[in-house]
């Protein structure tokens, strides 16, 4: 396994590692989406935060990416003037596997953004990062998010009880776990989603 791309581009999206100057865009996307995010994202209960807080968060995300600890992306419009959501690869499984997580800003719901991002991240994970397995965990009540791995050809492995963090009340939530193995990418619905990818210094990655 190698470091995932720092930047992934599709025809309409830029999915990339955060920089400190992204703080205002991140804050705007989150602040306008708090009620939308609260049922599913435990971190949303600590919002809104200041721009300074978001600067430190972006710095942390970048540092973790550089140290191969965690790979968090912002999802931006093609011209990078608006943040549309967030995603990432997370080390929550065995060696050779990463878990994809995603959220979409309230203003961007219904545009297929999370599906597109998940598809190209899955491709990049197998084709460029050398993964053997990609996982996704979804709250069983989150029907919109459940539809994404199903649409993209992931296998539903099962339901794990009290797996996900709760909302600060001490209660943990169940999760539905999906996976795709390296050999299952071929012929999957992820393949039609085209992308280009770049490394830490902006050089194109072969793909």
Protein backbone atom coordinates (compact mmCIF):
# COMPACT_ATOMS: atom_id res chain seq x y z
CA UNK A 1 0.00 0.00 0.00
CA UNK A 2 1.20 3.50 -0.88
CA UNK A 3 -0.08 6.95 0.07
CA UNK A 4 -3.38 7.74 -1.70
CA UNK A 5 -3.41 10.68 -4.12
CA UNK A 6 -3.30 14.13 -2.58
CA UNK A 7 -5.58 15.44 -5.30
CA UNK A 8 -8.22 13.77 -7.47
CA UNK A 9 -10.05 15.61 -10.24
CA UNK A 10 -13.19 14.69 -12.14
CA UNK A 11 -14.97 16.75 -14.78
CA UNK A 12 -16.93 18.67 -12.13
CA UNK A 13 -15.15 18.07 -8.80
CA UNK A 14 -11.82 18.51 -7.05
CA UNK A 15 -11.23 16.08 -4.16
CA UNK A 16 -8.04 16.99 -2.35
CA UNK A 17 -6.05 17.21 0.84
CA UNK A 18 -6.83 20.29 2.94
CA UNK A 19 -4.63 23.36 3.23
CA UNK A 20 -4.99 26.02 5.98
CA UNK A 21 -6.40 28.53 3.50
CA UNK A 22 -9.41 26.23 3.00
CA UNK A 23 -10.70 27.12 6.47
CA UNK A 24 -13.30 29.72 5.35
CA UNK A 25 -14.74 27.39 2.70
CA UNK A 26 -14.89 24.50 5.18
CA UNK A 27 -16.61 26.67 7.76
CA UNK A 28 -19.18 27.93 5.24
CA UNK A 29 -20.00 24.39 4.08
CA UNK A 30 -20.39 23.05 7.62
CA UNK A 31 -22.22 26.06 9.08
CA UNK A 32 -24.86 25.87 6.35
CA UNK A 33 -25.33 22.13 6.92
CA UNK A 34 -25.35 21.60 10.69
CA UNK A 35 -28.96 20.45 10.96
CA UNK A 36 -28.47 18.18 7.95
CA UNK A 37 -25.30 16.63 9.44
CA UNK A 38 -26.33 16.28 13.09
CA UNK A 39 -28.18 12.93 12.77
CA UNK A 40 -25.20 11.20 11.13
CA UNK A 41 -21.96 13.01 11.99
CA UNK A 42 -21.10 13.08 15.72
CA UNK A 43 -18.62 15.91 15.16
CA UNK A 44 -21.46 18.18 14.01
CA UNK A 45 -22.63 18.67 17.59
CA UNK A 46 -19.47 20.73 18.23
CA UNK A 47 -20.33 23.15 15.43
CA UNK A 48 -20.22 25.98 14.60
CA UNK A 49 -16.53 26.61 15.12
CA UNK A 50 -14.47 29.71 14.43
CA UNK A 51 -12.33 30.20 11.34
CA UNK A 52 -9.27 29.88 13.57
CA UNK A 53 -10.53 26.50 14.76
CA UNK A 54 -10.98 25.43 11.16
CA UNK A 55 -7.45 26.58 10.30
CA UNK A 56 -6.08 24.29 13.00
CA UNK A 57 -8.30 21.45 11.78
CA UNK A 58 -7.06 21.85 8.22
CA UNK A 59 -3.47 21.87 9.48
CA UNK A 60 -4.12 18.68 11.42
CA UNK A 61 -5.68 16.99 8.40
CA UNK A 62 -2.71 17.94 6.23
CA UNK A 63 -0.23 16.72 8.85
CA UNK A 64 -1.99 13.39 9.22
CA UNK A 65 -1.99 12.97 5.44
CA UNK A 66 1.74 13.69 5.22
CA UNK A 67 2.46 11.20 8.03
CA UNK A 68 0.30 8.45 6.46
CA UNK A 69 -1.96 8.39 9.53
CA UNK A 70 -5.29 9.42 8.02
CA UNK A 71 -6.30 10.74 4.60
CA UNK A 72 -9.00 13.41 4.78
CA UNK A 73 -10.22 15.24 1.67
CA UNK A 74 -12.32 18.29 1.00
CA UNK A 75 -14.73 18.05 -1.92
CA UNK A 76 -14.71 21.25 -3.97
CA UNK A 77 -16.30 22.63 -7.12
CA UNK A 78 -14.13 22.42 -10.23
CA UNK A 79 -12.94 26.02 -9.78
CA UNK A 80 -12.40 25.42 -6.03
CA UNK A 81 -14.48 28.43 -5.01
CA UNK A 82 -17.01 26.35 -3.05
CA UNK A 83 -16.72 23.36 -0.74
CA UNK A 84 -19.41 20.79 -1.44
CA UNK A 85 -18.58 18.23 1.25
CA UNK A 86 -15.83 16.06 2.66
CA UNK A 87 -14.52 12.53 2.29
CA UNK A 88 -11.48 10.48 3.15
CA UNK A 89 -9.66 7.21 3.47
CA UNK A 90 -9.41 6.00 7.08
CA UNK A 91 -7.26 3.28 8.64
CA UNK A 92 -9.93 1.31 10.48
CA UNK A 93 -9.32 -2.20 9.13
CA UNK A 94 -6.51 -4.60 8.41
CA UNK A 95 -3.30 -3.88 6.53
CA UNK A 96 -4.06 -3.23 2.88
CA UNK A 97 -7.55 -1.88 3.54
CA UNK A 98 -8.94 1.62 3.99
CA UNK A 99 -12.44 2.83 4.82
CA UNK A 100 -14.14 5.55 2.79
CA UNK A 101 -16.25 8.09 4.65
CA UNK A 102 -18.19 10.99 3.14
CA UNK A 103 -20.52 13.88 3.86
CA UNK A 104 -22.20 16.34 1.52
CA UNK A 105 -23.18 19.93 2.25
CA UNK A 106 -26.91 20.59 2.44
CA UNK A 107 -26.75 22.79 -0.68
CA UNK A 108 -25.24 19.96 -2.74
CA UNK A 109 -27.63 17.12 -1.88
CA UNK A 110 -29.22 15.25 -4.78
CA UNK A 111 -26.46 15.89 -7.31
CA UNK A 112 -24.75 12.49 -7.09
CA UNK A 113 -21.64 13.98 -5.52
CA UNK A 114 -21.09 11.34 -2.82
CA UNK A 115 -21.57 8.56 -5.38
CA UNK A 116 -19.05 10.12 -7.77
CA UNK A 117 -16.52 10.77 -5.01
CA UNK A 118 -16.84 7.25 -3.61
CA UNK A 119 -16.45 5.72 -7.07
CA UNK A 120 -13.27 7.59 -7.96
CA UNK A 121 -11.79 7.11 -4.49
CA UNK A 122 -12.45 3.38 -4.78
CA UNK A 123 -10.73 3.30 -8.15
CA UNK A 124 -7.78 5.33 -6.90
CA UNK A 125 -7.49 3.17 -3.80
CA UNK A 126 -7.11 0.01 -5.86
CA UNK A 127 -5.35 1.41 -8.92
CA UNK A 128 -2.91 3.83 -7.28
CA UNK A 129 -2.66 3.07 -3.55
CA UNK A 130 -2.40 -0.69 -3.94
CA UNK A 131 -5.30 -1.54 -1.66
CA UNK A 132 -6.68 -5.04 -1.38
CA UNK A 133 -10.00 -3.97 0.18
CA UNK A 134 -12.14 -0.84 0.49
CA UNK A 135 -14.73 -0.61 3.27
CA UNK A 136 -17.70 1.67 3.93
CA UNK A 137 -19.72 1.89 7.15
CA UNK A 138 -23.18 3.44 7.21
CA UNK A 139 -25.75 4.05 9.92
CA UNK A 140 -28.66 1.70 9.06
CA UNK A 141 -31.10 4.60 9.33
CA UNK A 142 -29.24 6.68 6.74
CA UNK A 143 -31.03 5.52 3.61
CA UNK A 144 -29.39 8.07 1.32
CA UNK A 145 -25.90 6.90 2.30
CA UNK A 146 -26.84 3.22 2.19
CA UNK A 147 -27.76 3.61 -1.48
CA UNK A 148 -24.23 4.65 -2.49
CA UNK A 149 -22.23 1.43 -1.90
CA UNK A 150 -25.16 -0.61 -3.17
CA UNK A 151 -25.23 1.40 -6.41
CA UNK A 152 -21.47 1.04 -6.87
CA UNK A 153 -21.36 -2.73 -6.49
CA UNK A 154 -20.04 -3.09 -2.95
CA UNK A 155 -20.96 -6.26 -1.05
CA UNK A 156 -23.04 -5.83 2.10
CA UNK A 157 -21.06 -7.80 4.68
CA UNK A 158 -23.50 -7.40 7.54
CA UNK A 159 -24.65 -5.30 10.44
CA UNK A 160 -22.41 -4.62 13.42
CA UNK A 161 -24.11 -3.66 16.66
CA UNK A 162 -22.98 -0.59 18.62
CA UNK A 163 -20.14 0.04 16.21
CA UNK A 164 -20.40 3.77 15.47
CA UNK A 165 -19.86 6.69 17.83
CA UNK A 166 -23.01 8.13 19.32
CA UNK A 167 -24.22 11.69 19.60
CA UNK A 168 -22.79 12.45 23.03
CA UNK A 169 -25.46 10.61 25.00
CA UNK A 170 -23.28 7.56 25.65
CA UNK A 171 -25.22 5.35 23.24
CA UNK A 172 -23.38 3.86 20.27
CA UNK A 173 -25.07 3.21 16.94
CA UNK A 174 -25.19 0.14 14.74
CA UNK A 175 -23.45 0.15 11.35
CA UNK A 176 -23.98 -1.63 8.05
CA UNK A 177 -20.60 -2.66 6.65
CA UNK A 178 -19.90 -2.82 2.92
CA UNK A 179 -16.71 -3.92 1.17
CA UNK A 180 -15.17 -4.28 -2.25
CA UNK A 181 -12.11 -6.45 -2.93
CA UNK A 182 -9.43 -5.60 -5.48
CA UNK A 183 -10.56 -8.25 -7.97
CA UNK A 184 -14.15 -7.01 -7.75
CA UNK A 185 -13.35 -3.56 -9.16
CA UNK A 186 -13.18 -4.93 -12.71
CA UNK A 187 -16.65 -4.68 -14.20
CA UNK A 188 -18.04 -2.77 -11.22
CA UNK A 189 -20.18 0.39 -11.58
CA UNK A 190 -17.18 2.40 -10.28
CA UNK A 191 -15.25 2.08 -13.55
CA UNK A 192 -17.24 4.55 -15.68
CA UNK A 193 -16.33 7.38 -13.27
CA UNK A 194 -13.18 8.89 -14.80
CA UNK A 195 -10.55 10.77 -12.81
CA UNK A 196 -7.03 12.14 -12.84
CA UNK A 197 -4.86 12.08 -9.73
CA UNK A 198 -1.82 13.92 -8.41
CA UNK A 199 0.80 13.38 -5.74
CA UNK A 200 1.96 15.69 -2.94
CA UNK A 201 3.91 18.00 -5.27
CA UNK A 202 1.22 18.15 -7.96
CA UNK A 203 2.73 15.64 -10.37
CA UNK A 204 0.20 13.48 -12.27
CA UNK A 205 -0.02 9.88 -11.14
CA UNK A 206 -0.22 7.11 -13.76
CA UNK A 207 -3.64 5.60 -14.00
